[in-house]
Amino acid sequence: MCRLTILVDMDGVLGDFVTSFLSAYHKAGGMGEPSRPIQWTFIDELDPIAVDEAWRDPGLWLHEHPYPGAFAGLRALHERHSVYVVTDPGPHPMIAIPAKLRWLGTHAPWFPQRRLWPISDRSKIMADILVDDRAENVREWLSGPTNNGRIAGGLSAYLPSREWNHDAPRIHGLPTGLAVVVDGELDTIARMILKDETVPV
């Protein structure tokens, strides 16, 4: 089997960032809730002072709940391919990156921490497959020069279904031959990539 390079997004794929962010926001005194269905731009609707406090709280990542099956899927992919966890470092990377490393080490102590890449622009990373919840990231990567999967043909981007992306192919113009929104978590996506029903759930 050919060894692939696979990028797996952290916030929104491995962990429930939205719930964790809103918890940190309310802890900082922020009022109100974003409109539903939530879009990834929901932070723009919130009080900017409390938003900044939330970004500065390491608990934002340390208390982020993993999605069911996320780390089973990550492990299955990691055992057979070259996997890198990619994550946006946010506005305060000196706080975020150590907290994200600690969170990943807690939930996946077997995963090499050097393979956590804090980067917001996915198009700058050479890879065969991208798993990301943000349609904008997927579109950027698919159109960039570093997408090996686009050249090889076949599916090369997978989005676990979320409130903000379930209509991604129609709304964001994602090419249906290259990207798919999956009704499932990373363990389901891992089965699709590996074509293997034995991935544990």
Protein backbone atom coordinates (compact mmCIF):
# COMPACT_ATOMS: atom_id res chain seq x y z
CA MET A 1 0.00 0.00 0.00
CA CYS A 2 1.30 3.43 -0.96
CA ARG A 3 2.12 5.57 2.08
CA LEU A 4 0.15 8.80 1.89
CA THR A 5 0.66 12.15 3.55
CA ILE A 6 -2.56 13.04 5.36
CA LEU A 7 -3.41 16.33 7.07
CA VAL A 8 -5.98 16.18 9.89
CA ASP A 9 -7.35 19.44 11.27
CA MET A 10 -7.50 19.70 15.06
CA ASP A 11 -10.29 22.14 16.01
CA GLY A 12 -13.55 20.97 14.48
CA VAL A 13 -12.30 17.52 13.44
CA LEU A 14 -10.57 16.07 16.50
CA GLY A 15 -12.21 18.33 19.07
CA ASP A 16 -15.42 20.31 19.54
CA PHE A 17 -13.96 23.80 19.27
CA VAL A 18 -17.27 25.68 19.05
CA THR A 19 -18.63 24.39 22.37
CA SER A 20 -15.27 24.95 24.05
CA PHE A 21 -14.95 28.49 22.68
CA LEU A 22 -18.44 29.48 23.80
CA SER A 23 -17.69 28.10 27.28
CA ALA A 24 -14.47 30.19 27.48
CA TYR A 25 -16.35 33.21 26.10
CA HIS A 26 -19.07 33.00 28.75
CA LYS A 27 -16.45 32.42 31.44
CA ALA A 28 -14.90 35.73 30.32
CA GLY A 29 -18.24 37.49 30.83
CA GLY A 30 -19.45 37.35 27.25
CA MET A 31 -23.21 37.56 26.77
CA GLY A 32 -25.48 36.00 24.17
CA GLU A 33 -25.26 33.15 21.72
CA PRO A 34 -24.43 33.08 18.01
CA SER A 35 -27.26 32.66 15.52
CA ARG A 36 -28.13 29.17 14.30
CA PRO A 37 -27.13 27.29 12.30
CA ILE A 38 -23.66 28.24 13.48
CA GLN A 39 -21.23 29.37 10.80
CA TRP A 40 -17.48 29.38 11.28
CA THR A 41 -17.62 33.18 11.37
CA PHE A 42 -19.76 33.00 14.56
CA ILE A 43 -17.01 34.70 16.59
CA ASP A 44 -17.63 37.92 14.64
CA GLU A 45 -21.13 38.09 16.21
CA LEU A 46 -19.78 38.12 19.79
CA ASP A 47 -18.47 40.79 22.19
CA PRO A 48 -14.88 41.44 21.06
CA ILE A 49 -13.52 42.06 24.58
CA ALA A 50 -14.79 38.72 25.90
CA VAL A 51 -13.67 37.05 22.65
CA ASP A 52 -10.10 38.23 23.21
CA GLU A 53 -10.22 36.97 26.81
CA ALA A 54 -11.44 33.59 25.54
CA TRP A 55 -8.55 33.38 23.04
CA ARG A 56 -6.12 34.04 25.91
CA ASP A 57 -7.53 31.21 28.07
CA PRO A 58 -5.48 27.97 27.75
CA GLY A 59 -8.57 26.12 28.97
CA LEU A 60 -10.14 26.86 25.60
CA TRP A 61 -8.07 23.99 24.22
CA LEU A 62 -7.29 22.02 27.37
CA HIS A 63 -11.02 21.44 28.00
CA GLU A 64 -12.00 20.84 24.38
CA HIS A 65 -14.02 17.61 24.15
CA PRO A 66 -12.86 15.10 21.51
CA TYR A 67 -15.45 14.04 18.99
CA PRO A 68 -16.46 10.36 19.31
CA GLY A 69 -14.17 8.16 17.24
CA ALA A 70 -11.75 11.01 16.51
CA PHE A 71 -8.67 9.47 18.08
CA ALA A 72 -9.50 5.94 16.95
CA GLY A 73 -9.56 7.30 13.41
CA LEU A 74 -6.37 9.29 13.91
CA ARG A 75 -4.57 6.23 15.27
CA ALA A 76 -5.72 4.01 12.40
CA LEU A 77 -4.46 6.53 9.85
CA HIS A 78 -1.23 7.17 11.79
CA GLU A 79 -0.39 3.45 11.87
CA ARG A 80 -0.53 3.15 8.07
CA HIS A 81 0.28 6.58 6.68
CA SER A 82 2.22 9.77 7.42
CA VAL A 83 -0.26 11.89 9.36
CA TYR A 84 0.13 15.49 10.51
CA VAL A 85 -2.31 17.36 12.73
CA VAL A 86 -2.72 20.92 11.46
CA THR A 87 -4.20 23.75 13.47
CA ASP A 88 -4.70 27.49 13.24
CA PRO A 89 -2.54 29.06 15.98
CA GLY A 90 -5.11 31.84 16.50
CA PRO A 91 -4.42 35.43 17.59
CA HIS A 92 -2.31 34.40 20.63
CA PRO A 93 -0.07 31.53 19.46
CA MET A 94 2.24 31.70 22.50
CA ILE A 95 -0.74 30.62 24.60
CA ALA A 96 -2.49 28.41 22.07
CA ILE A 97 0.34 26.21 20.80
CA PRO A 98 1.55 24.86 24.19
CA ALA A 99 -2.08 24.23 25.20
CA LYS A 100 -2.82 22.43 21.94
CA LEU A 101 0.31 20.29 22.33
CA ARG A 102 -0.74 19.38 25.86
CA TRP A 103 -4.27 18.53 24.73
CA LEU A 104 -2.98 16.33 21.92
CA GLY A 105 -0.52 14.63 24.28
CA THR A 106 -3.32 13.91 26.75
CA HIS A 107 -5.64 12.30 24.21
CA ALA A 108 -3.04 10.78 21.86
CA PRO A 109 0.20 10.11 23.80
CA TRP A 110 1.29 7.78 20.98
CA PHE A 111 1.18 10.59 18.38
CA PRO A 112 4.51 12.40 17.76
CA GLN A 113 4.13 15.98 18.94
CA ARG A 114 6.52 17.19 16.25
CA ARG A 115 3.70 16.33 13.83
CA LEU A 116 1.44 19.05 15.18
CA TRP A 117 1.79 21.88 12.70
CA PRO A 118 0.41 25.30 13.72
CA ILE A 119 -0.46 26.86 10.37
CA SER A 120 -3.55 28.64 9.09
CA ASP A 121 -2.90 28.47 5.33
CA ARG A 122 -3.42 24.83 4.31
CA SER A 123 -2.39 25.54 0.72
CA LYS A 124 1.26 25.81 1.83
CA ILE A 125 1.44 22.16 2.96
CA MET A 126 2.18 19.37 0.49
CA ALA A 127 -0.12 16.40 1.11
CA ASP A 128 -2.27 13.77 -0.56
CA ILE A 129 -5.38 14.08 1.64
CA LEU A 130 -6.87 16.81 3.83
CA VAL A 131 -9.49 16.21 6.54
CA ASP A 132 -10.91 19.58 7.64
CA ASP A 133 -14.29 20.88 8.79
CA ARG A 134 -13.94 24.29 7.14
CA ALA A 135 -15.00 24.41 3.50
CA GLU A 136 -12.87 27.52 2.99
CA ASN A 137 -9.73 25.61 4.04
CA VAL A 138 -10.60 22.72 1.75
CA ARG A 139 -11.25 24.97 -1.24
CA GLU A 140 -8.00 26.86 -0.61
CA TRP A 141 -6.04 23.61 -0.40
CA LEU A 142 -7.68 22.03 -3.45
CA SER A 143 -6.83 25.04 -5.58
CA GLY A 144 -3.30 25.41 -4.22
CA PRO A 145 -0.06 24.06 -5.67
CA THR A 146 0.55 21.56 -2.85
CA ASN A 147 -2.44 19.25 -3.37
CA ASN A 148 -1.05 15.91 -4.56
CA GLY A 149 -4.48 14.29 -4.49
CA ARG A 150 -5.81 16.70 -7.12
CA ILE A 151 -3.10 15.49 -9.48
CA ALA A 152 -3.53 11.81 -8.63
CA GLY A 153 -7.31 11.93 -9.05
CA GLY A 154 -10.03 10.64 -6.76
CA LEU A 155 -11.24 11.97 -3.42
CA SER A 156 -8.61 13.97 -1.62
CA ALA A 157 -10.57 16.10 0.88
CA TYR A 158 -13.01 14.96 3.55
CA LEU A 159 -15.21 17.17 5.76
CA PRO A 160 -16.98 15.66 8.78
CA SER A 161 -20.51 17.04 8.69
CA ARG A 162 -20.98 20.11 10.89
CA GLU A 163 -23.59 22.89 11.08
CA TRP A 164 -21.32 25.18 9.09
CA ASN A 165 -20.42 22.85 6.22
CA HIS A 166 -23.21 20.33 5.49
CA ASP A 167 -24.10 22.28 2.32
CA ALA A 168 -20.46 22.95 1.47
CA PRO A 169 -20.41 21.55 -2.10
CA ARG A 170 -23.38 23.74 -3.11
CA ILE A 171 -22.62 26.90 -1.12
CA HIS A 172 -18.84 26.94 -1.40
CA GLY A 173 -18.50 25.39 -4.84
CA LEU A 174 -16.37 22.48 -3.71
CA PRO A 175 -15.73 20.04 -6.56
CA THR A 176 -17.76 16.92 -5.81
CA GLY A 177 -15.20 14.66 -7.48
CA LEU A 178 -12.46 15.75 -5.07
CA ALA A 179 -14.19 16.66 -1.80
CA VAL A 180 -16.99 15.05 0.16
CA VAL A 181 -18.94 15.93 3.32
CA VAL A 182 -19.11 12.77 5.43
CA ASP A 183 -21.97 11.97 7.79
CA GLY A 184 -19.64 10.66 10.47
CA GLU A 185 -16.50 11.35 12.45
CA LEU A 186 -12.82 10.69 11.79
CA ASP A 187 -13.17 6.96 12.40
CA THR A 188 -15.70 6.81 9.54
CA ILE A 189 -13.42 8.89 7.31
CA ALA A 190 -10.47 6.64 8.20
CA ARG A 191 -12.47 3.60 7.03
CA MET A 192 -13.17 5.36 3.75
CA ILE A 193 -9.51 6.25 3.24
CA LEU A 194 -8.22 2.84 4.31
CA LYS A 195 -11.16 0.98 2.74
CA ASP A 196 -11.15 -1.00 5.96
CA GLU A 197 -14.17 -1.83 8.12
CA THR A 198 -11.95 -2.97 11.01
CA VAL A 199 -11.11 0.57 12.23
CA PRO A 200 -12.27 0.50 15.86
CA VAL A 201 -15.15 2.72 16.92
